[in-house]
Protein backbone atom coordinates (compact mmCIF):
# COMPACT_ATOMS: atom_id res chain seq x y z
CA MET A 1 25.45 -72.73 20.11
CA THR A 2 27.56 -70.26 18.07
CA GLU A 3 26.51 -68.77 14.75
CA SER A 4 28.58 -71.48 13.07
CA GLY A 5 26.56 -74.09 14.87
CA VAL A 6 29.58 -75.37 16.84
CA GLN A 7 29.21 -75.88 20.55
CA PRO A 8 31.93 -73.74 22.31
CA ASP A 9 34.45 -75.42 24.54
CA PRO A 10 33.93 -74.38 28.17
CA ALA A 11 37.55 -73.21 28.31
CA ASP A 12 36.79 -70.69 25.54
CA ASP A 13 34.45 -68.54 27.58
CA GLN A 14 35.53 -69.03 31.18
CA THR A 15 38.76 -69.36 33.16
CA ALA A 16 39.29 -72.28 35.50
CA PRO A 17 39.02 -71.26 39.15
CA GLU A 18 42.65 -72.23 39.76
CA GLU A 19 43.91 -70.03 36.89
CA ALA A 20 41.75 -67.14 38.03
CA GLY A 21 43.20 -67.34 41.51
CA ARG A 22 46.87 -67.42 40.58
CA PRO A 23 47.43 -63.79 39.48
CA SER A 24 45.75 -62.40 42.57
CA LEU A 25 47.75 -64.74 44.77
CA LEU A 26 50.99 -63.59 43.18
CA ASP A 27 50.07 -59.95 43.70
CA TRP A 28 49.05 -60.69 47.26
CA GLN A 29 52.32 -62.50 47.92
CA LYS A 30 54.34 -59.60 46.52
CA ARG A 31 52.44 -57.19 48.74
CA LEU A 32 53.08 -59.35 51.79
CA ASN A 33 56.78 -59.59 50.98
CA ALA A 34 57.00 -55.80 50.69
CA SER A 35 55.15 -55.13 53.95
CA PRO A 36 56.70 -53.61 57.11
CA GLY A 37 55.85 -56.81 59.00
CA CYS A 38 57.85 -58.96 56.60
CA ARG A 39 60.80 -56.57 56.86
CA ALA A 40 60.62 -56.68 60.66
CA ILE A 41 60.69 -60.46 60.73
CA ALA A 42 63.63 -60.42 58.31
CA LEU A 43 65.55 -58.17 60.70
CA GLY A 44 64.99 -60.61 63.56
CA ASP A 45 66.01 -63.53 61.36
CA ARG A 46 69.20 -61.68 60.47
CA VAL A 47 70.14 -61.50 64.14
CA LYS A 48 69.71 -65.27 64.39
CA ARG A 49 71.78 -65.95 61.27
CA ILE A 50 74.63 -63.73 62.42
CA GLY A 51 74.68 -65.57 65.73
CA TYR A 52 74.52 -68.97 64.03
CA VAL A 53 77.84 -68.43 62.24
CA PHE A 54 79.53 -68.37 65.65
CA GLN A 55 77.32 -70.79 67.57
CA GLY A 56 77.49 -73.40 64.81
CA ASN A 57 81.27 -73.51 65.13
CA VAL A 58 81.01 -73.70 68.91
CA ALA A 59 78.59 -76.61 68.57
CA GLN A 60 81.09 -78.52 66.41
CA TYR A 61 83.87 -77.88 68.92
CA LYS A 62 81.76 -79.02 71.85
CA SER A 63 80.49 -82.03 69.90
CA LEU A 64 84.04 -83.31 69.50
CA VAL A 65 84.62 -82.90 73.23
CA ALA A 66 81.36 -84.70 73.99
CA GLU A 67 82.25 -87.64 71.74
CA LEU A 68 85.55 -88.10 73.58
CA GLN A 69 83.76 -88.66 76.88
CA ASN A 70 82.93 -92.12 75.53
CA PRO A 71 85.89 -94.40 76.35
CA VAL A 72 85.12 -96.49 73.27
CA VAL A 73 85.88 -93.41 71.15
CA SER A 74 88.68 -91.85 73.17
CA GLY A 75 90.48 -95.04 74.23
CA PRO A 76 92.17 -95.77 70.89
CA ILE A 77 93.02 -92.09 70.42
CA LEU A 78 94.74 -91.82 73.81
CA ASP A 79 96.59 -95.12 73.46
CA VAL A 80 100.28 -94.25 73.88
CA ARG A 81 101.11 -96.90 71.29
CA ASN A 82 99.30 -94.82 68.68
CA PRO A 83 100.65 -91.25 69.04
CA GLU A 84 99.58 -90.31 65.51
CA ALA A 85 95.92 -90.60 66.51
CA HIS A 86 96.42 -88.19 69.40
CA ASP A 87 98.29 -85.76 67.15
CA ARG A 88 95.41 -85.83 64.67
CA LEU A 89 93.00 -85.13 67.51
CA LEU A 90 94.97 -82.08 68.62
CA SER A 91 95.14 -80.83 65.03
CA GLU A 92 91.37 -81.17 64.76
CA THR A 93 90.80 -79.31 68.03
CA GLU A 94 93.06 -76.51 66.81
CA ARG A 95 91.14 -76.31 63.53
CA LEU A 96 87.80 -76.14 65.32
CA LEU A 97 89.08 -73.57 67.83
CA HIS A 98 90.34 -71.48 64.92
CA ASN A 99 86.82 -71.58 63.42
CA VAL A 100 85.27 -70.62 66.76
CA LEU A 101 87.52 -67.59 67.13
CA MET A 102 87.02 -66.42 63.55
CA GLY A 103 83.27 -66.92 63.93
CA MET A 104 83.37 -64.90 67.14
CA SER A 105 85.06 -61.99 65.38
CA THR A 106 82.66 -62.20 62.43
CA ARG A 107 79.64 -62.19 64.73
CA VAL A 108 80.80 -59.10 66.62
CA ASP A 109 81.64 -57.14 63.46
CA GLN A 110 78.50 -58.13 61.56
CA GLN A 111 76.20 -57.36 64.47
CA ARG A 112 77.80 -53.95 64.96
CA CYS A 113 77.31 -53.15 61.25
CA PHE A 114 73.75 -54.51 61.34
CA MET A 115 72.80 -52.22 64.21
CA LYS A 116 74.39 -49.19 62.56
CA GLU A 117 72.67 -49.86 59.24
CA HIS A 118 69.17 -50.49 60.54
CA PHE A 119 68.87 -48.73 63.90
CA GLN A 120 71.25 -45.76 63.83
CA GLU A 121 68.29 -43.37 64.02
CA ASP A 122 66.71 -45.22 66.95
CA SER A 123 68.72 -43.71 69.79
CA ALA A 124 66.75 -45.55 72.47
CA LEU A 125 67.43 -48.99 71.01
CA MET A 126 71.06 -48.17 70.19
CA ASN A 127 71.64 -46.97 73.75
CA GLU A 128 70.01 -50.11 75.14
CA TYR A 129 72.16 -52.27 72.88
CA ARG A 130 75.43 -50.53 73.76
CA SER A 131 74.59 -50.65 77.45
CA LYS A 132 73.83 -54.38 77.21
CA VAL A 133 77.10 -55.11 75.40
CA THR A 134 79.07 -53.06 77.92
CA SER A 135 77.48 -54.68 80.98
CA MET A 136 78.00 -58.20 79.63
CA PHE A 137 81.47 -57.99 78.08
CA LYS A 138 83.42 -54.90 79.12
CA ASP A 139 84.82 -56.48 82.29
CA ASP A 140 84.73 -60.08 81.08
CA GLU A 141 88.34 -61.28 81.13
CA GLU A 142 87.51 -64.50 79.30
CA ALA A 143 85.90 -62.57 76.43
CA LYS A 144 88.96 -60.32 76.24
CA PHE A 145 91.21 -63.37 76.22
CA LEU A 146 89.34 -64.97 73.31
CA LYS A 147 89.58 -61.72 71.34
CA GLY A 148 93.31 -61.61 72.06
CA LEU A 149 93.65 -65.28 71.17
CA ARG A 150 92.12 -64.55 67.78
CA ASN A 151 94.89 -61.98 67.21
CA TYR A 152 97.45 -64.48 68.50
CA ILE A 153 96.33 -67.02 65.91
CA THR A 154 96.35 -64.40 63.14
CA HIS A 155 99.74 -62.86 63.90
CA ALA A 156 101.68 -65.63 65.69
CA GLN A 157 100.59 -69.27 65.52
CA LEU A 158 97.87 -71.73 66.37
CA PRO A 159 97.84 -72.17 70.16
CA VAL A 160 99.66 -75.10 71.70
CA ALA A 161 96.77 -77.43 72.51
CA GLN A 162 96.89 -80.32 74.96
CA SER A 163 94.30 -82.87 76.00
CA ARG A 164 93.58 -83.20 79.70
CA GLN A 165 92.23 -86.43 81.15
CA THR A 166 90.64 -86.51 84.58
CA PHE A 167 89.96 -89.88 86.22
CA GLY A 168 87.94 -90.79 89.28
CA GLN A 169 86.59 -93.96 90.81
CA GLU A 170 83.48 -93.62 88.66
CA PHE A 171 84.47 -90.58 86.69
CA PHE A 172 86.20 -89.95 83.38
CA GLU A 173 86.52 -86.62 81.60
CA ILE A 174 88.53 -85.27 78.69
CA SER A 175 88.96 -81.58 77.96
CA PHE A 176 91.41 -79.38 76.08
CA THR A 177 93.81 -76.79 77.40
CA LEU A 178 96.25 -74.22 76.07
CA LEU A 179 99.64 -74.19 77.73
CA VAL A 180 100.33 -70.89 79.48
CA ASP A 181 104.06 -70.55 78.83
CA PRO A 182 103.83 -70.53 75.00
CA LEU A 183 100.97 -68.04 75.23
CA LEU A 184 102.97 -65.69 77.45
CA ALA A 185 105.92 -65.86 75.07
CA TRP A 186 103.89 -63.64 72.74
CA SER A 187 104.72 -60.01 73.49
CA ARG A 188 101.46 -58.45 72.34
CA TRP A 189 99.24 -59.38 75.28
CA ASN A 190 98.39 -56.29 77.32
CA GLY A 191 99.22 -56.25 81.02
CA GLU A 192 95.69 -57.11 82.10
CA LEU A 193 95.47 -60.21 79.92
CA ARG A 194 99.02 -61.27 80.70
CA THR A 195 98.11 -61.25 84.38
CA TRP A 196 94.92 -63.21 83.72
CA ILE A 197 96.73 -65.84 81.64
CA ALA A 198 99.45 -66.25 84.27
CA GLY A 199 96.76 -66.73 86.89
CA GLN A 200 95.37 -69.81 85.11
CA GLY A 201 98.18 -72.05 86.36
CA ASP A 202 99.93 -74.23 83.81
CA ALA A 203 97.15 -74.11 81.23
CA VAL A 204 93.96 -72.33 80.22
CA VAL A 205 90.98 -74.71 80.07
CA ILE A 206 89.92 -73.37 76.71
CA VAL A 207 86.77 -75.51 76.37
CA ASP A 208 85.28 -73.87 79.47
CA VAL A 209 86.26 -70.39 78.28
CA VAL A 210 84.61 -70.91 74.90
CA ASP A 211 81.48 -72.37 76.50
CA ALA A 212 81.09 -69.44 78.91
CA TYR A 213 81.49 -66.86 76.16
CA ALA A 214 79.12 -68.67 73.79
CA HIS A 215 76.46 -68.71 76.51
CA LYS A 216 76.75 -64.95 77.03
CA ALA A 217 76.77 -64.25 73.29
CA GLY A 218 73.63 -66.35 72.94
CA GLU A 219 71.95 -64.37 75.71
CA LEU A 220 72.75 -61.09 73.96
CA ASP A 221 71.48 -62.35 70.61
CA LYS A 222 68.28 -63.61 72.22
CA TRP A 223 67.73 -60.24 73.91
CA LEU A 224 68.32 -58.36 70.65
CA PHE A 225 65.94 -60.61 68.71
CA GLU A 226 63.22 -60.13 71.32
CA ARG A 227 63.84 -56.38 71.48
CA ILE A 228 63.48 -56.01 67.70
CA THR A 229 60.32 -58.12 67.79
CA LEU A 230 58.89 -55.85 70.48
CA LYS A 231 59.77 -52.72 68.50
CA TYR A 232 57.87 -53.94 65.45
CA ARG A 233 55.07 -55.87 67.16
CA ALA A 234 52.40 -53.60 65.63
CA ASP A 235 53.64 -54.55 62.15
CA ILE A 236 54.40 -58.21 62.80
CA ASP A 237 51.08 -59.29 64.29
CA PRO A 238 48.84 -58.19 61.37
CA TYR A 239 51.41 -59.53 58.91
CA LEU A 240 51.28 -62.97 60.51
CA ARG A 241 47.47 -62.93 60.51
CA GLU A 242 47.42 -62.03 56.82
CA CYS A 243 50.01 -64.73 56.07
CA ALA A 244 47.70 -67.27 57.67
CA GLU A 245 44.83 -65.98 55.54
CA PHE A 246 47.03 -66.18 52.45
CA ASP A 247 47.98 -69.79 53.23
CA ARG A 248 44.32 -70.73 53.61
CA GLU A 249 43.54 -69.19 50.23
CA VAL A 250 46.44 -71.04 48.59
CA ALA A 251 45.15 -74.29 50.06
CA ARG A 252 41.63 -73.54 48.77
CA VAL A 253 42.74 -72.63 45.26
CA PHE A 254 45.20 -75.47 44.78
CA GLY A 255 43.41 -78.04 46.88
CA ALA A 256 46.31 -78.51 49.28
């Protein structure tokens, strides 16, 4: 009883357990977010996001190709009585290829800036990274062609795309090609790439070129993510353990 003879409300002299837990949880969360482990995980996630810009566009391009392998889908498009449908298909492939090439350029530039910003002082990692890029792409003619094709699109025109149908007794395949002659009409290919393009016959099977490059780019991104994780393992492991402890406390306080 109080001096006034009124029984106090329980809320007047004590704080509910949930309310008492919230401020400390917020402080704890802020500390976790500011920790070296959280920063390290964010660096790895950044590598993935940079790669996704490119790989997401590749996935859309390949998805269109995959859909066309179904005769129910491709049959009406390839019907000679409906040329507009085929023209729309080629326009769509050119749009998607444009996105792939722009995404490729963005990925390369962003990753280079990312490494310079965060790892310039780590000579060992920077040397590993440069060596990896050189070994995978320096002598890769297909990678050089895609880089040149990006410039071709920017300074000349969208490439002349064609669909290619291959039929067998129990086999049906559709792919896309770029005609060689219109490509070679552009004067800004260097001698090495001009020779490579001419060696592709009548057309470059662009779907295969994109797929091969995307696979290599994915390998590099995976290596870089794993290498960053290894570098910061001593920070990441305790951070993840404390995150698990934090989640358990949140569940206890809020009854989740």
